Amino acid sequence: PRMANLKSVYEERWVNSLQPFQNTDQVYREAVLPGQTLPSLKGPKMYLGEYDPAVNACADKPSCPAYGKPELLRDLKVILSDPKWTKSIWGVSFFQYQMPYNKYEIHELQYGMFEMLPNAPWTTGYILGDDEKNHPINCLDWKVQELGEAVAEAYGGSLPDLPCPKDESESKTFVV
């Protein structure tokens, strides 16, 4: 049976994930170090999901002088390259790429590097099991470009172009 040795399966596959919304110094001190002292978490590495300290550091603003591009870039570089982090952390993902349009509280609405523009020049194709024939795909614009620059630089990438067709002749249907 595949699960004959549940302990070894746990040890080989377990991933501890947390959603830190604080800078690296605080996350290391309050989560990484204590986590690595617990017998149940000592061996497995952690994954940092939903990482974006700016909104908390900036009193419900997406970025501010207290936490902006330099601070995010520093934190991401530390997480991705500092040996004390790489021995305990598998990786990190930024939270979140698009502004949440299904949330209503001021705090939650501050997240996201991109925002949707009102124009939706594309549509999806039919999505299996969906009641709708298709759905609009809106153009994107930067909400907080400086944070996007930090993420791109930390991972050795570049910012994407965000072209938005001017008329329907330039638009296409995307199949999901």
C-alpha atoms as a PDB file:
ATOM      1  CA  PRO A   1       0.000   0.000   0.000  1.00  0.00           C
ATOM      2  CA  ARG A   2       1.112   3.550  -0.749  1.00  0.00           C
ATOM      3  CA  MET A   3       0.551   4.764   2.815  1.00  0.00           C
ATOM      4  CA  ALA A   4       2.156   1.795   4.595  1.00  0.00           C
ATOM      5  CA  ASN A   5       4.689   4.063   6.248  1.00  0.00           C
ATOM      6  CA  LEU A   6       2.721   7.206   7.005  1.00  0.00           C
ATOM      7  CA  LYS A   7       5.572   8.712   9.038  1.00  0.00           C
ATOM      8  CA  SER A   8       8.016   8.611   6.120  1.00  0.00           C
ATOM      9  CA  VAL A   9       5.374   9.974   3.732  1.00  0.00           C
ATOM     10  CA  TYR A  10       4.796  12.845   6.158  1.00  0.00           C
ATOM     11  CA  GLU A  11       8.519  13.529   6.525  1.00  0.00           C
ATOM     12  CA  GLU A  12       9.118  13.441   2.763  1.00  0.00           C
ATOM     13  CA  ARG A  13       6.114  15.490   1.657  1.00  0.00           C
ATOM     14  CA  TRP A  14       5.064  17.796   4.473  1.00  0.00           C
ATOM     15  CA  VAL A  15       5.220  21.499   3.667  1.00  0.00           C
ATOM     16  CA  ASN A  16       4.534  24.082   6.321  1.00  0.00           C
ATOM     17  CA  SER A  17       3.060  27.201   4.792  1.00  0.00           C
ATOM     18  CA  LEU A  18       2.340  30.525   6.373  1.00  0.00           C
ATOM     19  CA  GLN A  19       1.106  33.884   5.214  1.00  0.00           C
ATOM     20  CA  PRO A  20       3.457  36.492   6.638  1.00  0.00           C
ATOM     21  CA  PHE A  21       2.498  40.121   6.339  1.00  0.00           C
ATOM     22  CA  GLN A  22       5.576  41.428   8.179  1.00  0.00           C
ATOM     23  CA  ASN A  23       9.161  42.202   7.193  1.00  0.00           C
ATOM     24  CA  THR A  24      11.790  39.464   7.105  1.00  0.00           C
ATOM     25  CA  ASP A  25      13.330  40.308  10.487  1.00  0.00           C
ATOM     26  CA  GLN A  26      10.022  39.857  12.263  1.00  0.00           C
ATOM     27  CA  VAL A  27       8.985  36.750  10.282  1.00  0.00           C
ATOM     28  CA  TYR A  28      12.330  35.071  10.974  1.00  0.00           C
ATOM     29  CA  ARG A  29      12.242  35.916  14.672  1.00  0.00           C
ATOM     30  CA  GLU A  30       8.589  35.017  15.244  1.00  0.00           C
ATOM     31  CA  ALA A  31       7.933  32.158  12.802  1.00  0.00           C
ATOM     32  CA  VAL A  32      10.973  30.618  11.120  1.00  0.00           C
ATOM     33  CA  LEU A  33      13.207  30.179  14.178  1.00  0.00           C
ATOM     34  CA  PRO A  34      10.463  28.913  16.514  1.00  0.00           C
ATOM     35  CA  GLY A  35       9.104  26.655  13.765  1.00  0.00           C
ATOM     36  CA  GLN A  36      12.453  24.971  13.308  1.00  0.00           C
ATOM     37  CA  THR A  37      12.646  24.100  17.014  1.00  0.00           C
ATOM     38  CA  LEU A  38       9.365  22.158  17.083  1.00  0.00           C
ATOM     39  CA  PRO A  39       9.856  18.414  16.517  1.00  0.00           C
ATOM     40  CA  SER A  40       6.934  18.293  14.084  1.00  0.00           C
ATOM     41  CA  LEU A  41       8.331  21.153  11.955  1.00  0.00           C
ATOM     42  CA  LYS A  42      12.087  20.872  12.460  1.00  0.00           C
ATOM     43  CA  GLY A  43      12.892  19.028   9.234  1.00  0.00           C
ATOM     44  CA  PRO A  44      10.416  20.290   6.640  1.00  0.00           C
ATOM     45  CA  LYS A  45      11.013  23.579   4.939  1.00  0.00           C
ATOM     46  CA  MET A  46       8.428  26.338   4.983  1.00  0.00           C
ATOM     47  CA  TYR A  47       6.736  28.064   2.081  1.00  0.00           C
ATOM     48  CA  LEU A  48       5.784  31.724   2.471  1.00  0.00           C
ATOM     49  CA  GLY A  49       2.547  32.401   0.660  1.00  0.00           C
ATOM     50  CA  GLU A  50       0.755  35.717   0.463  1.00  0.00           C
ATOM     51  CA  TYR A  51       3.805  37.834   1.308  1.00  0.00           C
ATOM     52  CA  ASP A  52       3.156  41.574   1.313  1.00  0.00           C
ATOM     53  CA  PRO A  53       4.188  43.541   4.411  1.00  0.00           C
ATOM     54  CA  ALA A  54       3.388  46.928   2.842  1.00  0.00           C
ATOM     55  CA  VAL A  55      -0.328  47.158   3.643  1.00  0.00           C
ATOM     56  CA  ASN A  56       0.213  46.500   7.349  1.00  0.00           C
ATOM     57  CA  ALA A  57       3.316  48.720   7.536  1.00  0.00           C
ATOM     58  CA  CYS A  58       1.567  51.524   5.647  1.00  0.00           C
ATOM     59  CA  ALA A  59      -1.654  51.780   7.672  1.00  0.00           C
ATOM     60  CA  ASP A  60      -3.933  50.314   4.994  1.00  0.00           C
ATOM     61  CA  LYS A  61      -2.168  51.835   1.993  1.00  0.00           C
ATOM     62  CA  PRO A  62      -0.609  49.672  -0.751  1.00  0.00           C
ATOM     63  CA  SER A  63       2.814  51.296  -0.335  1.00  0.00           C
ATOM     64  CA  CYS A  64       4.440  54.141   1.586  1.00  0.00           C
ATOM     65  CA  PRO A  65       7.854  55.484   2.621  1.00  0.00           C
ATOM     66  CA  ALA A  66       7.916  52.988   5.519  1.00  0.00           C
ATOM     67  CA  TYR A  67       7.562  50.023   3.141  1.00  0.00           C
ATOM     68  CA  GLY A  68       7.913  50.319  -0.616  1.00  0.00           C
ATOM     69  CA  LYS A  69      10.150  49.051  -3.392  1.00  0.00           C
ATOM     70  CA  PRO A  70      13.491  49.147  -1.502  1.00  0.00           C
ATOM     71  CA  GLU A  71      12.084  47.316   1.507  1.00  0.00           C
ATOM     72  CA  LEU A  72      10.255  44.655  -0.512  1.00  0.00           C
ATOM     73  CA  LEU A  73      13.299  44.091  -2.731  1.00  0.00           C
ATOM     74  CA  ARG A  74      15.535  43.716   0.327  1.00  0.00           C
ATOM     75  CA  ASP A  75      13.122  41.280   1.991  1.00  0.00           C
ATOM     76  CA  LEU A  76      12.668  39.143  -1.125  1.00  0.00           C
ATOM     77  CA  LYS A  77      16.423  38.975  -1.761  1.00  0.00           C
ATOM     78  CA  VAL A  78      16.989  37.893   1.842  1.00  0.00           C
ATOM     79  CA  ILE A  79      14.333  35.173   1.631  1.00  0.00           C
ATOM     80  CA  LEU A  80      15.618  33.921  -1.729  1.00  0.00           C
ATOM     81  CA  SER A  81      19.380  34.027  -1.113  1.00  0.00           C
ATOM     82  CA  ASP A  82      20.413  34.336   2.550  1.00  0.00           C
ATOM     83  CA  PRO A  83      21.628  30.883   3.733  1.00  0.00           C
ATOM     84  CA  LYS A  84      19.805  31.175   7.067  1.00  0.00           C
ATOM     85  CA  TRP A  85      16.583  31.524   5.057  1.00  0.00           C
ATOM     86  CA  THR A  86      17.265  29.100   2.212  1.00  0.00           C
ATOM     87  CA  LYS A  87      17.897  26.247   4.647  1.00  0.00           C
ATOM     88  CA  SER A  88      14.397  26.736   6.077  1.00  0.00           C
ATOM     89  CA  ILE A  89      12.335  28.269   3.266  1.00  0.00           C
ATOM     90  CA  TRP A  90      11.401  26.792  -0.123  1.00  0.00           C
ATOM     91  CA  GLY A  91      10.123  29.998  -1.577  1.00  0.00           C
ATOM     92  CA  VAL A  92       7.823  32.975  -1.373  1.00  0.00           C
ATOM     93  CA  SER A  93       4.935  34.357  -3.398  1.00  0.00           C
ATOM     94  CA  PHE A  94       3.786  37.948  -3.447  1.00  0.00           C
ATOM     95  CA  PHE A  95       0.247  38.775  -2.336  1.00  0.00           C
ATOM     96  CA  GLN A  96      -1.454  39.536  -4.508  1.00  0.00           C
ATOM     97  CA  TYR A  97      -1.148  40.189  -8.180  1.00  0.00           C
ATOM     98  CA  GLN A  98      -4.574  41.709  -8.827  1.00  0.00           C
ATOM     99  CA  MET A  99      -6.606  43.966  -6.606  1.00  0.00           C
ATOM    100  CA  PRO A 100      -9.398  41.901  -5.007  1.00  0.00           C
ATOM    101  CA  TYR A 101     -12.705  42.992  -6.482  1.00  0.00           C
ATOM    102  CA  ASN A 102     -14.694  40.560  -4.358  1.00  0.00           C
ATOM    103  CA  LYS A 103     -13.682  42.210  -1.060  1.00  0.00           C
ATOM    104  CA  TYR A 104     -15.154  45.279   0.574  1.00  0.00           C
ATOM    105  CA  GLU A 105     -13.005  46.260   3.554  1.00  0.00           C
ATOM    106  CA  ILE A 106     -10.497  49.076   3.061  1.00  0.00           C
ATOM    107  CA  HIS A 107      -7.617  46.916   4.330  1.00  0.00           C
ATOM    108  CA  GLU A 108      -8.276  44.070   1.889  1.00  0.00           C
ATOM    109  CA  LEU A 109      -8.754  46.412  -1.078  1.00  0.00           C
ATOM    110  CA  GLN A 110      -5.194  47.733  -0.715  1.00  0.00           C
ATOM    111  CA  TYR A 111      -3.581  44.487  -1.875  1.00  0.00           C
ATOM    112  CA  GLY A 112      -2.637  43.795  -5.456  1.00  0.00           C
ATOM    113  CA  MET A 113      -0.056  45.133  -7.912  1.00  0.00           C
ATOM    114  CA  PHE A 114      -2.559  45.345 -10.781  1.00  0.00           C
ATOM    115  CA  GLU A 115      -6.023  46.755 -11.160  1.00  0.00           C
ATOM    116  CA  MET A 116      -8.538  45.977 -13.871  1.00  0.00           C
ATOM    117  CA  LEU A 117      -9.438  48.685 -16.350  1.00  0.00           C
ATOM    118  CA  PRO A 118     -13.120  49.064 -17.290  1.00  0.00           C
ATOM    119  CA  ASN A 119     -12.556  48.006 -20.889  1.00  0.00           C
ATOM    120  CA  ALA A 120     -12.681  44.264 -21.572  1.00  0.00           C
ATOM    121  CA  PRO A 121     -11.630  43.768 -25.208  1.00  0.00           C
ATOM    122  CA  TRP A 122     -11.256  39.991 -24.903  1.00  0.00           C
ATOM    123  CA  THR A 123     -13.487  37.121 -23.906  1.00  0.00           C
ATOM    124  CA  THR A 124     -12.833  33.609 -22.796  1.00  0.00           C
ATOM    125  CA  GLY A 125     -14.108  30.714 -24.804  1.00  0.00           C
ATOM    126  CA  TYR A 126     -16.683  28.435 -23.277  1.00  0.00           C
ATOM    127  CA  ILE A 127     -15.590  27.029 -19.910  1.00  0.00           C
ATOM    128  CA  LEU A 128     -16.695  23.433 -19.458  1.00  0.00           C
ATOM    129  CA  GLY A 129     -19.573  23.206 -17.006  1.00  0.00           C
ATOM    130  CA  ASP A 130     -20.240  26.957 -16.976  1.00  0.00           C
ATOM    131  CA  ASP A 131     -23.710  28.387 -17.608  1.00  0.00           C
ATOM    132  CA  GLU A 132     -22.257  31.342 -19.535  1.00  0.00           C
ATOM    133  CA  LYS A 133     -21.068  31.209 -23.151  1.00  0.00           C
ATOM    134  CA  ASN A 134     -17.987  33.283 -22.287  1.00  0.00           C
ATOM    135  CA  HIS A 135     -16.653  35.842 -19.813  1.00  0.00           C
ATOM    136  CA  PRO A 136     -14.996  39.240 -20.326  1.00  0.00           C
ATOM    137  CA  ILE A 137     -11.267  39.647 -19.845  1.00  0.00           C
ATOM    138  CA  ASN A 138     -10.379  43.154 -18.705  1.00  0.00           C
ATOM    139  CA  CYS A 139      -7.198  45.024 -19.457  1.00  0.00           C
ATOM    140  CA  LEU A 140      -4.826  45.529 -16.538  1.00  0.00           C
ATOM    141  CA  ASP A 141      -2.939  48.556 -15.341  1.00  0.00           C
ATOM    142  CA  TRP A 142      -0.467  49.034 -12.529  1.00  0.00           C
ATOM    143  CA  LYS A 143      -1.919  49.795  -9.140  1.00  0.00           C
ATOM    144  CA  VAL A 144       1.477  49.744  -7.385  1.00  0.00           C
ATOM    145  CA  GLN A 145       4.163  49.501 -10.046  1.00  0.00           C
ATOM    146  CA  GLU A 146       7.039  49.982  -7.616  1.00  0.00           C
ATOM    147  CA  LEU A 147       6.175  46.716  -5.857  1.00  0.00           C
ATOM    148  CA  GLY A 148       6.023  44.982  -9.233  1.00  0.00           C
ATOM    149  CA  GLU A 149       9.488  46.344  -9.978  1.00  0.00           C
ATOM    150  CA  ALA A 150      10.788  44.897  -6.708  1.00  0.00           C
ATOM    151  CA  VAL A 151       9.296  41.448  -7.402  1.00  0.00           C
ATOM    152  CA  ALA A 152      10.646  41.424 -10.973  1.00  0.00           C
ATOM    153  CA  GLU A 153      14.120  42.497  -9.871  1.00  0.00           C
ATOM    154  CA  ALA A 154      14.276  39.991  -6.993  1.00  0.00           C
ATOM    155  CA  TYR A 155      13.501  37.124  -9.379  1.00  0.00           C
ATOM    156  CA  GLY A 156      15.731  38.448 -12.186  1.00  0.00           C
ATOM    157  CA  GLY A 157      12.828  39.351 -14.455  1.00  0.00           C
ATOM    158  CA  SER A 158      11.323  42.464 -15.933  1.00  0.00           C
ATOM    159  CA  LEU A 159       7.957  44.158 -15.837  1.00  0.00           C
ATOM    160  CA  PRO A 160       5.386  42.921 -18.320  1.00  0.00           C
ATOM    161  CA  ASP A 161       3.928  45.096 -21.007  1.00  0.00           C
ATOM    162  CA  LEU A 162       0.246  45.744 -20.393  1.00  0.00           C
ATOM    163  CA  PRO A 163      -1.093  46.422 -23.875  1.00  0.00           C
ATOM    164  CA  CYS A 164      -4.784  47.080 -24.194  1.00  0.00           C
ATOM    165  CA  PRO A 165      -6.320  46.978 -27.686  1.00  0.00           C
ATOM    166  CA  LYS A 166      -7.909  50.207 -28.836  1.00  0.00           C
ATOM    167  CA  ASP A 167     -10.639  48.485 -30.840  1.00  0.00           C
ATOM    168  CA  GLU A 168     -12.221  45.083 -31.396  1.00  0.00           C
ATOM    169  CA  SER A 169     -10.112  44.304 -34.475  1.00  0.00           C
ATOM    170  CA  GLU A 170      -7.077  43.925 -32.215  1.00  0.00           C
ATOM    171  CA  SER A 171      -8.817  41.705 -29.654  1.00  0.00           C
ATOM    172  CA  LYS A 172      -8.867  37.919 -29.529  1.00  0.00           C
ATOM    173  CA  THR A 173     -10.794  35.196 -27.733  1.00  0.00           C
ATOM    174  CA  PHE A 174      -8.825  33.191 -25.190  1.00  0.00           C
ATOM    175  CA  VAL A 175      -9.696  29.574 -24.543  1.00  0.00           C
ATOM    176  CA  VAL A 176      -9.492  28.515 -20.919  1.00  0.00           C
END
